[in-house]
Amino acid sequence: VEHLVGALLAGAPQAMRAQKALMAAWEDMPLPQAVAHSVKVFG
């Protein structure tokens, strides 16, 4: 578990939260919508 914790802590805190939120959003989006939504999050 600690090894995985270390890998997760190597990511930037706000980027990690944004990535988790994106993963959740992608579950319910068609691919074109998921790609478009990601552009805004990237910015």
PDB file of all heavy atoms in Angstrom:
ATOM      1  N   VAL A   1       0.835  -1.196   0.000  1.00  0.00           N
ATOM      2  CA  VAL A   1       0.000   0.000   0.000  1.00  0.00           C
ATOM      3  C   VAL A   1       0.869   1.244   0.000  1.00  0.00           C
ATOM      4  O   VAL A   1       0.627   2.208  -0.748  1.00  0.00           O
ATOM      5  CB  VAL A   1      -0.956  -0.011   1.209  1.00  0.00           C
ATOM      6  CG1 VAL A   1      -1.639   1.341   1.368  1.00  0.00           C
ATOM      7  CG2 VAL A   1      -1.991  -1.113   1.059  1.00  0.00           C
ATOM      8  N   GLU A   2       1.922   1.239   0.808  1.00  0.00           N
ATOM      9  CA  GLU A   2       2.807   2.404   0.891  1.00  0.00           C
ATOM     10  C   GLU A   2       3.511   2.664  -0.433  1.00  0.00           C
ATOM     11  O   GLU A   2       3.729   3.827  -0.810  1.00  0.00           O
ATOM     12  CB  GLU A   2       3.816   2.205   2.016  1.00  0.00           C
ATOM     13  CG  GLU A   2       4.817   3.339   2.168  1.00  0.00           C
ATOM     14  CD  GLU A   2       4.185   4.703   2.432  1.00  0.00           C
ATOM     15  OE1 GLU A   2       3.097   4.760   3.040  1.00  0.00           O
ATOM     16  OE2 GLU A   2       4.787   5.714   2.029  1.00  0.00           O
ATOM     17  N   HIS A   3       3.876   1.616  -1.148  1.00  0.00           N
ATOM     18  CA  HIS A   3       4.499   1.809  -2.461  1.00  0.00           C
ATOM     19  C   HIS A   3       3.550   2.561  -3.393  1.00  0.00           C
ATOM     20  O   HIS A   3       3.958   3.482  -4.116  1.00  0.00           O
ATOM     21  CB  HIS A   3       4.877   0.462  -3.064  1.00  0.00           C
ATOM     22  CG  HIS A   3       5.518   0.567  -4.411  1.00  0.00           C
ATOM     23  ND1 HIS A   3       6.856   0.859  -4.589  1.00  0.00           N
ATOM     24  CD2 HIS A   3       4.989   0.456  -5.671  1.00  0.00           C
ATOM     25  CE1 HIS A   3       7.135   0.905  -5.884  1.00  0.00           C
ATOM     26  NE2 HIS A   3       6.015   0.671  -6.565  1.00  0.00           N
ATOM     27  N   LEU A   4       2.281   2.173  -3.384  1.00  0.00           N
ATOM     28  CA  LEU A   4       1.294   2.863  -4.212  1.00  0.00           C
ATOM     29  C   LEU A   4       1.089   4.297  -3.728  1.00  0.00           C
ATOM     30  O   LEU A   4       0.969   5.226  -4.546  1.00  0.00           O
ATOM     31  CB  LEU A   4      -0.028   2.091  -4.193  1.00  0.00           C
ATOM     32  CG  LEU A   4      -1.191   2.691  -4.978  1.00  0.00           C
ATOM     33  CD1 LEU A   4      -0.821   2.986  -6.425  1.00  0.00           C
ATOM     34  CD2 LEU A   4      -2.404   1.765  -4.902  1.00  0.00           C
ATOM     35  N   VAL A   5       1.052   4.501  -2.419  1.00  0.00           N
ATOM     36  CA  VAL A   5       0.938   5.857  -1.876  1.00  0.00           C
ATOM     37  C   VAL A   5       2.069   6.735  -2.410  1.00  0.00           C
ATOM     38  O   VAL A   5       1.850   7.875  -2.841  1.00  0.00           O
ATOM     39  CB  VAL A   5       0.946   5.838  -0.337  1.00  0.00           C
ATOM     40  CG1 VAL A   5       1.139   7.245   0.229  1.00  0.00           C
ATOM     41  CG2 VAL A   5      -0.341   5.231   0.193  1.00  0.00           C
ATOM     42  N   GLY A   6       3.292   6.207  -2.404  1.00  0.00           N
ATOM     43  CA  GLY A   6       4.427   6.976  -2.896  1.00  0.00           C
ATOM     44  C   GLY A   6       4.271   7.379  -4.351  1.00  0.00           C
ATOM     45  O   GLY A   6       4.587   8.508  -4.749  1.00  0.00           O
ATOM     46  N   ALA A   7       3.764   6.455  -5.163  1.00  0.00           N
ATOM     47  CA  ALA A   7       3.544   6.768  -6.574  1.00  0.00           C
ATOM     48  C   ALA A   7       2.499   7.870  -6.730  1.00  0.00           C
ATOM     49  O   ALA A   7       2.651   8.775  -7.573  1.00  0.00           O
ATOM     50  CB  ALA A   7       3.114   5.511  -7.323  1.00  0.00           C
ATOM     51  N   LEU A   8       1.444   7.825  -5.929  1.00  0.00           N
ATOM     52  CA  LEU A   8       0.393   8.830  -6.024  1.00  0.00           C
ATOM     53  C   LEU A   8       0.871  10.189  -5.527  1.00  0.00           C
ATOM     54  O   LEU A   8       0.498  11.234  -6.085  1.00  0.00           O
ATOM     55  CB  LEU A   8      -0.831   8.376  -5.232  1.00  0.00           C
ATOM     56  CG  LEU A   8      -1.524   7.128  -5.779  1.00  0.00           C
ATOM     57  CD1 LEU A   8      -2.556   6.606  -4.776  1.00  0.00           C
ATOM     58  CD2 LEU A   8      -2.175   7.401  -7.123  1.00  0.00           C
ATOM     59  N   LEU A   9       1.708  10.192  -4.491  1.00  0.00           N
ATOM     60  CA  LEU A   9       2.235  11.464  -3.980  1.00  0.00           C
ATOM     61  C   LEU A   9       3.214  12.115  -4.943  1.00  0.00           C
ATOM     62  O   LEU A   9       3.463  13.322  -4.855  1.00  0.00           O
ATOM     63  CB  LEU A   9       2.907  11.240  -2.621  1.00  0.00           C
ATOM     64  CG  LEU A   9       1.985  10.881  -1.460  1.00  0.00           C
ATOM     65  CD1 LEU A   9       2.803  10.608  -0.204  1.00  0.00           C
ATOM     66  CD2 LEU A   9       0.957  11.983  -1.194  1.00  0.00           C
ATOM     67  N   ALA A  10       3.754  11.341  -5.872  1.00  0.00           N
ATOM     68  CA  ALA A  10       4.663  11.919  -6.865  1.00  0.00           C
ATOM     69  C   ALA A  10       3.925  12.800  -7.865  1.00  0.00           C
ATOM     70  O   ALA A  10       4.538  13.630  -8.553  1.00  0.00           O
ATOM     71  CB  ALA A  10       5.414  10.805  -7.602  1.00  0.00           C
ATOM     72  N   GLY A  11       2.623  12.643  -7.972  1.00  0.00           N
ATOM     73  CA  GLY A  11       1.828  13.512  -8.831  1.00  0.00           C
ATOM     74  C   GLY A  11       1.525  14.829  -8.133  1.00  0.00           C
ATOM     75  O   GLY A  11       1.467  14.903  -6.902  1.00  0.00           O
ATOM     76  N   ALA A  12       1.326  15.875  -8.905  1.00  0.00           N
ATOM     77  CA  ALA A  12       0.986  17.180  -8.333  1.00  0.00           C
ATOM     78  C   ALA A  12      -0.411  17.118  -7.711  1.00  0.00           C
ATOM     79  O   ALA A  12      -1.325  16.538  -8.299  1.00  0.00           O
ATOM     80  CB  ALA A  12       1.039  18.250  -9.414  1.00  0.00           C
ATOM     81  N   PRO A  13      -0.599  17.714  -6.537  1.00  0.00           N
ATOM     82  CA  PRO A  13      -1.875  17.553  -5.823  1.00  0.00           C
ATOM     83  C   PRO A  13      -3.101  17.995  -6.620  1.00  0.00           C
ATOM     84  O   PRO A  13      -4.092  17.267  -6.688  1.00  0.00           O
ATOM     85  CB  PRO A  13      -1.683  18.415  -4.568  1.00  0.00           C
ATOM     86  CG  PRO A  13      -0.210  18.469  -4.352  1.00  0.00           C
ATOM     87  CD  PRO A  13       0.399  18.441  -5.717  1.00  0.00           C
ATOM     88  N   GLN A  14      -3.059  19.185  -7.210  1.00  0.00           N
ATOM     89  CA  GLN A  14      -4.227  19.663  -7.946  1.00  0.00           C
ATOM     90  C   GLN A  14      -4.422  18.894  -9.253  1.00  0.00           C
ATOM     91  O   GLN A  14      -5.550  18.628  -9.677  1.00  0.00           O
ATOM     92  CB  GLN A  14      -4.106  21.164  -8.214  1.00  0.00           C
ATOM     93  CG  GLN A  14      -4.129  22.008  -6.949  1.00  0.00           C
ATOM     94  CD  GLN A  14      -5.342  21.741  -6.080  1.00  0.00           C
ATOM     95  OE1 GLN A  14      -6.471  21.704  -6.572  1.00  0.00           O
ATOM     96  NE2 GLN A  14      -5.121  21.542  -4.788  1.00  0.00           N
ATOM     97  N   ALA A  15      -3.318  18.515  -9.888  1.00  0.00           N
ATOM     98  CA  ALA A  15      -3.424  17.717 -11.108  1.00  0.00           C
ATOM     99  C   ALA A  15      -4.036  16.355 -10.802  1.00  0.00           C
ATOM    100  O   ALA A  15      -4.827  15.825 -11.598  1.00  0.00           O
ATOM    101  CB  ALA A  15      -2.051  17.551 -11.751  1.00  0.00           C
ATOM    102  N   MET A  16      -3.698  15.781  -9.646  1.00  0.00           N
ATOM    103  CA  MET A  16      -4.246  14.480  -9.279  1.00  0.00           C
ATOM    104  C   MET A  16      -5.748  14.579  -9.045  1.00  0.00           C
ATOM    105  O   MET A  16      -6.529  13.707  -9.489  1.00  0.00           O
ATOM    106  CB  MET A  16      -3.546  13.949  -8.027  1.00  0.00           C
ATOM    107  CG  MET A  16      -3.887  12.524  -7.695  1.00  0.00           C
ATOM    108  SD  MET A  16      -3.297  11.328  -8.918  1.00  0.00           S
ATOM    109  CE  MET A  16      -1.529  11.341  -8.549  1.00  0.00           C
ATOM    110  N   ARG A  17      -6.189  15.641  -8.378  1.00  0.00           N
ATOM    111  CA  ARG A  17      -7.626  15.819  -8.171  1.00  0.00           C
ATOM    112  C   ARG A  17      -8.341  16.016  -9.511  1.00  0.00           C
ATOM    113  O   ARG A  17      -9.435  15.477  -9.728  1.00  0.00           O
ATOM    114  CB  ARG A  17      -7.879  16.997  -7.237  1.00  0.00           C
ATOM    115  CG  ARG A  17      -7.538  16.691  -5.773  1.00  0.00           C
ATOM    116  CD  ARG A  17      -7.730  17.910  -4.875  1.00  0.00           C
ATOM    117  NE  ARG A  17      -7.492  17.570  -3.478  1.00  0.00           N
ATOM    118  CZ  ARG A  17      -8.401  17.679  -2.500  1.00  0.00           C
ATOM    119  NH1 ARG A  17      -9.620  18.113  -2.772  1.00  0.00           N
ATOM    120  NH2 ARG A  17      -8.106  17.348  -1.263  1.00  0.00           N
ATOM    121  N   ALA A  18      -7.732  16.809 -10.393  1.00  0.00           N
ATOM    122  CA  ALA A  18      -8.336  17.025 -11.707  1.00  0.00           C
ATOM    123  C   ALA A  18      -8.402  15.721 -12.496  1.00  0.00           C
ATOM    124  O   ALA A  18      -9.391  15.449 -13.187  1.00  0.00           O
ATOM    125  CB  ALA A  18      -7.546  18.076 -12.481  1.00  0.00           C
ATOM    126  N   GLN A  19      -7.354  14.900 -12.387  1.00  0.00           N
ATOM    127  CA  GLN A  19      -7.348  13.635 -13.111  1.00  0.00           C
ATOM    128  C   GLN A  19      -8.427  12.695 -12.601  1.00  0.00           C
ATOM    129  O   GLN A  19      -9.111  12.028 -13.393  1.00  0.00           O
ATOM    130  CB  GLN A  19      -5.978  12.965 -12.978  1.00  0.00           C
ATOM    131  CG  GLN A  19      -5.800  11.773 -13.903  1.00  0.00           C
ATOM    132  CD  GLN A  19      -5.756  12.196 -15.362  1.00  0.00           C
ATOM    133  OE1 GLN A  19      -4.775  12.771 -15.813  1.00  0.00           O
ATOM    134  NE2 GLN A  19      -6.821  11.920 -16.099  1.00  0.00           N
ATOM    135  N   LYS A  20      -8.623  12.642 -11.286  1.00  0.00           N
ATOM    136  CA  LYS A  20      -9.671  11.777 -10.742  1.00  0.00           C
ATOM    137  C   LYS A  20     -11.046  12.253 -11.194  1.00  0.00           C
ATOM    138  O   LYS A  20     -11.901  11.445 -11.583  1.00  0.00           O
ATOM    139  CB  LYS A  20      -9.593  11.733  -9.216  1.00  0.00           C
ATOM    140  CG  LYS A  20     -10.728  10.901  -8.624  1.00  0.00           C
ATOM    141  CD  LYS A  20     -10.543  10.536  -7.179  1.00  0.00           C
ATOM    142  CE  LYS A  20     -11.724   9.705  -6.686  1.00  0.00           C
ATOM    143  NZ  LYS A  20     -11.555   9.223  -5.308  1.00  0.00           N
ATOM    144  N   ALA A  21     -11.266  13.569 -11.171  1.00  0.00           N
ATOM    145  CA  ALA A  21     -12.553  14.097 -11.617  1.00  0.00           C
ATOM    146  C   ALA A  21     -12.781  13.803 -13.098  1.00  0.00           C
ATOM    147  O   ALA A  21     -13.902  13.489 -13.510  1.00  0.00           O
ATOM    148  CB  ALA A  21     -12.617  15.602 -11.357  1.00  0.00           C
ATOM    149  N   LEU A  22     -11.722  13.885 -13.900  1.00  0.00           N
ATOM    150  CA  LEU A  22     -11.853  13.560 -15.319  1.00  0.00           C
ATOM    151  C   LEU A  22     -12.224  12.101 -15.518  1.00  0.00           C
ATOM    152  O   LEU A  22     -13.081  11.770 -16.353  1.00  0.00           O
ATOM    153  CB  LEU A  22     -10.535  13.850 -16.041  1.00  0.00           C
ATOM    154  CG  LEU A  22     -10.366  15.216 -16.687  1.00  0.00           C
ATOM    155  CD1 LEU A  22      -8.972  15.319 -17.307  1.00  0.00           C
ATOM    156  CD2 LEU A  22     -11.434  15.485 -17.731  1.00  0.00           C
ATOM    157  N   MET A  23     -11.575  11.211 -14.789  1.00  0.00           N
ATOM    158  CA  MET A  23     -11.883   9.797 -14.919  1.00  0.00           C
ATOM    159  C   MET A  23     -13.357   9.528 -14.621  1.00  0.00           C
ATOM    160  O   MET A  23     -14.023   8.754 -15.319  1.00  0.00           O
ATOM    161  CB  MET A  23     -11.003   8.971 -13.979  1.00  0.00           C
ATOM    162  CG  MET A  23      -9.514   8.996 -14.303  1.00  0.00           C
ATOM    163  SD  MET A  23      -9.105   8.109 -15.818  1.00  0.00           S
ATOM    164  CE  MET A  23      -9.391   6.420 -15.317  1.00  0.00           C
ATOM    165  N   ALA A  24     -13.877  10.203 -13.598  1.00  0.00           N
ATOM    166  CA  ALA A  24     -15.286  10.026 -13.247  1.00  0.00           C
ATOM    167  C   ALA A  24     -16.184  10.579 -14.350  1.00  0.00           C
ATOM    168  O   ALA A  24     -17.193   9.961 -14.715  1.00  0.00           O
ATOM    169  CB  ALA A  24     -15.585  10.713 -11.920  1.00  0.00           C
ATOM    170  N   ALA A  25     -15.826  11.737 -14.896  1.00  0.00           N
ATOM    171  CA  ALA A  25     -16.638  12.333 -15.953  1.00  0.00           C
ATOM    172  C   ALA A  25     -16.633  11.471 -17.210  1.00  0.00           C
ATOM    173  O   ALA A  25     -17.662  11.319 -17.879  1.00  0.00           O
ATOM    174  CB  ALA A  25     -16.125  13.739 -16.276  1.00  0.00           C
ATOM    175  N   TRP A  26     -15.496  10.899 -17.547  1.00  0.00           N
ATOM    176  CA  TRP A  26     -15.376  10.083 -18.754  1.00  0.00           C
ATOM    177  C   TRP A  26     -16.297   8.863 -18.715  1.00  0.00           C
ATOM    178  O   TRP A  26     -16.693   8.365 -19.769  1.00  0.00           O
ATOM    179  CB  TRP A  26     -13.938   9.619 -18.936  1.00  0.00           C
ATOM    180  CG  TRP A  26     -12.991  10.703 -19.360  1.00  0.00           C
ATOM    181  CD1 TRP A  26     -13.311  11.922 -19.885  1.00  0.00           C
ATOM    182  CD2 TRP A  26     -11.565  10.667 -19.281  1.00  0.00           C
ATOM    183  NE1 TRP A  26     -12.165  12.649 -20.136  1.00  0.00           N
ATOM    184  CE2 TRP A  26     -11.074  11.894 -19.776  1.00  0.00           C
ATOM    185  CE3 TRP A  26     -10.642   9.720 -18.828  1.00  0.00           C
ATOM    186  CZ2 TRP A  26      -9.718  12.200 -19.849  1.00  0.00           C
ATOM    187  CZ3 TRP A  26      -9.296  10.017 -18.898  1.00  0.00           C
ATOM    188  CH2 TRP A  26      -8.835  11.229 -19.407  1.00  0.00           C
ATOM    189  N   GLU A  27     -16.605   8.373 -17.522  1.00  0.00           N
ATOM    190  CA  GLU A  27     -17.456   7.185 -17.417  1.00  0.00           C
ATOM    191  C   GLU A  27     -18.805   7.379 -18.100  1.00  0.00           C
ATOM    192  O   GLU A  27     -19.403   6.429 -18.596  1.00  0.00           O
ATOM    193  CB  GLU A  27     -17.684   6.822 -15.946  1.00  0.00           C
ATOM    194  CG  GLU A  27     -16.460   6.272 -15.237  1.00  0.00           C
ATOM    195  CD  GLU A  27     -16.759   5.905 -13.791  1.00  0.00           C
ATOM    196  OE1 GLU A  27     -17.938   6.052 -13.369  1.00  0.00           O
ATOM    197  OE2 GLU A  27     -15.838   5.482 -13.077  1.00  0.00           O
ATOM    198  N   ASP A  28     -19.293   8.612 -18.098  1.00  0.00           N
ATOM    199  CA  ASP A  28     -20.647   8.886 -18.593  1.00  0.00           C
ATOM    200  C   ASP A  28     -20.662   9.694 -19.892  1.00  0.00           C
ATOM    201  O   ASP A  28     -21.732  10.132 -20.324  1.00  0.00           O
ATOM    202  CB  ASP A  28     -21.447   9.636 -17.523  1.00  0.00           C
ATOM    203  CG  ASP A  28     -21.576   8.835 -16.241  1.00  0.00           C
ATOM    204  OD1 ASP A  28     -21.871   7.633 -16.330  1.00  0.00           O
ATOM    205  OD2 ASP A  28     -21.371   9.409 -15.159  1.00  0.00           O
ATOM    206  N   MET A  29     -19.505   9.895 -20.517  1.00  0.00           N
ATOM    207  CA  MET A  29     -19.437  10.735 -21.710  1.00  0.00           C
ATOM    208  C   MET A  29     -19.081   9.938 -22.951  1.00  0.00           C
ATOM    209  O   MET A  29     -18.210   9.062 -22.894  1.00  0.00           O
ATOM    210  CB  MET A  29     -18.357  11.820 -21.527  1.00  0.00           C
ATOM    211  CG  MET A  29     -18.680  12.900 -20.536  1.00  0.00           C
ATOM    212  SD  MET A  29     -17.327  14.111 -20.479  1.00  0.00           S
ATOM    213  CE  MET A  29     -17.982  15.283 -19.292  1.00  0.00           C
ATOM    214  N   PRO A  30     -19.709  10.250 -24.087  1.00  0.00           N
ATOM    215  CA  PRO A  30     -19.197   9.735 -25.359  1.00  0.00           C
ATOM    216  C   PRO A  30     -17.800  10.288 -25.605  1.00  0.00           C
ATOM    217  O   PRO A  30     -17.432  11.345 -25.073  1.00  0.00           O
ATOM    218  CB  PRO A  30     -20.194  10.271 -26.387  1.00  0.00           C
ATOM    219  CG  PRO A  30     -21.394  10.701 -25.602  1.00  0.00           C
ATOM    220  CD  PRO A  30     -20.899  11.082 -24.243  1.00  0.00           C
ATOM    221  N   LEU A  31     -17.016   9.591 -26.426  1.00  0.00           N
ATOM    222  CA  LEU A  31     -15.625   9.984 -26.635  1.00  0.00           C
ATOM    223  C   LEU A  31     -15.464  11.425 -27.098  1.00  0.00           C
ATOM    224  O   LEU A  31     -14.635  12.156 -26.541  1.00  0.00           O
ATOM    225  CB  LEU A  31     -14.952   9.022 -27.622  1.00  0.00           C
ATOM    226  CG  LEU A  31     -13.475   9.311 -27.916  1.00  0.00           C
ATOM    227  CD1 LEU A  31     -12.643   9.285 -26.639  1.00  0.00           C
ATOM    228  CD2 LEU A  31     -12.935   8.294 -28.927  1.00  0.00           C
ATOM    229  N   PRO A  32     -16.208  11.912 -28.102  1.00  0.00           N
ATOM    230  CA  PRO A  32     -15.999  13.313 -28.522  1.00  0.00           C
ATOM    231  C   PRO A  32     -16.249  14.306 -27.395  1.00  0.00           C
ATOM    232  O   PRO A  32     -15.514  15.291 -27.241  1.00  0.00           O
ATOM    233  CB  PRO A  32     -17.011  13.489 -29.660  1.00  0.00           C
ATOM    234  CG  PRO A  32     -17.241  12.118 -30.184  1.00  0.00           C
ATOM    235  CD  PRO A  32     -17.168  11.222 -28.984  1.00  0.00           C
ATOM    236  N   GLN A  33     -17.274  14.052 -26.560  1.00  0.00           N
ATOM    237  CA  GLN A  33     -17.557  14.937 -25.440  1.00  0.00           C
ATOM    238  C   GLN A  33     -16.457  14.851 -24.385  1.00  0.00           C
ATOM    239  O   GLN A  33     -16.062  15.872 -23.801  1.00  0.00           O
ATOM    240  CB  GLN A  33     -18.902  14.573 -24.824  1.00  0.00           C
ATOM    241  CG  GLN A  33     -19.358  15.529 -23.716  1.00  0.00           C
ATOM    242  CD  GLN A  33     -20.686  15.124 -23.122  1.00  0.00           C
ATOM    243  OE1 GLN A  33     -21.360  14.221 -23.626  1.00  0.00           O
ATOM    244  NE2 GLN A  33     -21.077  15.774 -22.039  1.00  0.00           N
ATOM    245  N   ALA A  34     -15.949  13.656 -24.154  1.00  0.00           N
ATOM    246  CA  ALA A  34     -14.871  13.497 -23.179  1.00  0.00           C
ATOM    247  C   ALA A  34     -13.622  14.249 -23.611  1.00  0.00           C
ATOM    248  O   ALA A  34     -12.957  14.900 -22.791  1.00  0.00           O
ATOM    249  CB  ALA A  34     -14.558  12.012 -22.995  1.00  0.00           C
ATOM    250  N   VAL A  35     -13.302  14.175 -24.882  1.00  0.00           N
ATOM    251  CA  VAL A  35     -12.121  14.886 -25.403  1.00  0.00           C
ATOM    252  C   VAL A  35     -12.314  16.390 -25.260  1.00  0.00           C
ATOM    253  O   VAL A  35     -11.421  17.114 -24.786  1.00  0.00           O
ATOM    254  CB  VAL A  35     -11.871  14.496 -26.870  1.00  0.00           C
ATOM    255  CG1 VAL A  35     -10.799  15.384 -27.478  1.00  0.00           C
ATOM    256  CG2 VAL A  35     -11.459  13.030 -26.968  1.00  0.00           C
ATOM    257  N   ALA A  36     -13.490  16.891 -25.638  1.00  0.00           N
ATOM    258  CA  ALA A  36     -13.749  18.326 -25.562  1.00  0.00           C
ATOM    259  C   ALA A  36     -13.707  18.816 -24.113  1.00  0.00           C
ATOM    260  O   ALA A  36     -13.150  19.884 -23.823  1.00  0.00           O
ATOM    261  CB  ALA A  36     -15.103  18.637 -26.194  1.00  0.00           C
ATOM    262  N   HIS A  37     -14.292  18.050 -23.216  1.00  0.00           N
ATOM    263  CA  HIS A  37     -14.280  18.418 -21.802  1.00  0.00           C
ATOM    264  C   HIS A  37     -12.851  18.469 -21.269  1.00  0.00           C
ATOM    265  O   HIS A  37     -12.509  19.351 -20.463  1.00  0.00           O
ATOM    266  CB  HIS A  37     -15.105  17.403 -21.016  1.00  0.00           C
ATOM    267  CG  HIS A  37     -15.098  17.612 -19.537  1.00  0.00           C
ATOM    268  ND1 HIS A  37     -15.658  18.718 -18.932  1.00  0.00           N
ATOM    269  CD2 HIS A  37     -14.592  16.848 -18.522  1.00  0.00           C
ATOM    270  CE1 HIS A  37     -15.505  18.623 -17.625  1.00  0.00           C
ATOM    271  NE2 HIS A  37     -14.852  17.501 -17.348  1.00  0.00           N
ATOM    272  N   SER A  38     -12.008  17.566 -21.728  1.00  0.00           N
ATOM    273  CA  SER A  38     -10.632  17.503 -21.252  1.00  0.00           C
ATOM    274  C   SER A  38      -9.835  18.750 -21.618  1.00  0.00           C
ATOM    275  O   SER A  38      -8.932  19.164 -20.875  1.00  0.00           O
ATOM    276  CB  SER A  38      -9.929  16.268 -21.823  1.00  0.00           C
ATOM    277  OG  SER A  38     -10.582  15.088 -21.432  1.00  0.00           O
ATOM    278  N   VAL A  39     -10.142  19.343 -22.772  1.00  0.00           N
ATOM    279  CA  VAL A  39      -9.416  20.540 -23.206  1.00  0.00           C
ATOM    280  C   VAL A  39      -9.557  21.654 -22.179  1.00  0.00           C
ATOM    281  O   VAL A  39      -8.579  22.317 -21.808  1.00  0.00           O
ATOM    282  CB  VAL A  39      -9.912  20.993 -24.593  1.00  0.00           C
ATOM    283  CG1 VAL A  39      -9.339  22.357 -24.957  1.00  0.00           C
ATOM    284  CG2 VAL A  39      -9.548  19.958 -25.652  1.00  0.00           C
ATOM    285  N   LYS A  40     -10.768  21.859 -21.705  1.00  0.00           N
ATOM    286  CA  LYS A  40     -11.019  22.902 -20.708  1.00  0.00           C
ATOM    287  C   LYS A  40     -10.281  22.600 -19.409  1.00  0.00           C
ATOM    288  O   LYS A  40      -9.679  23.501 -18.796  1.00  0.00           O
ATOM    289  CB  LYS A  40     -12.517  23.018 -20.457  1.00  0.00           C
ATOM    290  CG  LYS A  40     -12.924  24.124 -19.489  1.00  0.00           C
ATOM    291  CD  LYS A  40     -14.436  24.223 -19.427  1.00  0.00           C
ATOM    292  CE  LYS A  40     -14.891  25.379 -18.537  1.00  0.00           C
ATOM    293  NZ  LYS A  40     -14.565  25.141 -17.117  1.00  0.00           N
ATOM    294  N   VAL A  41     -10.321  21.360 -18.982  1.00  0.00           N
ATOM    295  CA  VAL A  41      -9.646  20.974 -17.736  1.00  0.00           C
ATOM    296  C   VAL A  41      -8.138  21.172 -17.869  1.00  0.00           C
ATOM    297  O   VAL A  41      -7.465  21.611 -16.931  1.00  0.00           O
ATOM    298  CB  VAL A  41      -9.990  19.522 -17.362  1.00  0.00           C
ATOM    299  CG1 VAL A  41      -9.211  19.073 -16.132  1.00  0.00           C
ATOM    300  CG2 VAL A  41     -11.490  19.390 -17.103  1.00  0.00           C
ATOM    301  N   PHE A  42      -7.593  20.850 -19.050  1.00  0.00           N
ATOM    302  CA  PHE A  42      -6.160  21.059 -19.292  1.00  0.00           C
ATOM    303  C   PHE A  42      -5.800  22.529 -19.127  1.00  0.00           C
ATOM    304  O   PHE A  42      -4.814  22.870 -18.460  1.00  0.00           O
ATOM    305  CB  PHE A  42      -5.813  20.578 -20.701  1.00  0.00           C
ATOM    306  CG  PHE A  42      -4.352  20.670 -21.043  1.00  0.00           C
ATOM    307  CD1 PHE A  42      -3.466  19.677 -20.668  1.00  0.00           C
ATOM    308  CD2 PHE A  42      -3.857  21.757 -21.758  1.00  0.00           C
ATOM    309  CE1 PHE A  42      -2.116  19.757 -20.989  1.00  0.00           C
ATOM    310  CE2 PHE A  42      -2.515  21.849 -22.085  1.00  0.00           C
ATOM    311  CZ  PHE A  42      -1.645  20.842 -21.694  1.00  0.00           C
ATOM    312  N   GLY A  43      -6.589  23.407 -19.714  1.00  0.00           N
ATOM    313  CA  GLY A  43      -6.315  24.836 -19.585  1.00  0.00           C
ATOM    314  C   GLY A  43      -6.404  25.316 -18.154  1.00  0.00           C
ATOM    315  O   GLY A  43      -5.565  26.107 -17.695  1.00  0.00           O
TER     316      GLY A  43
END
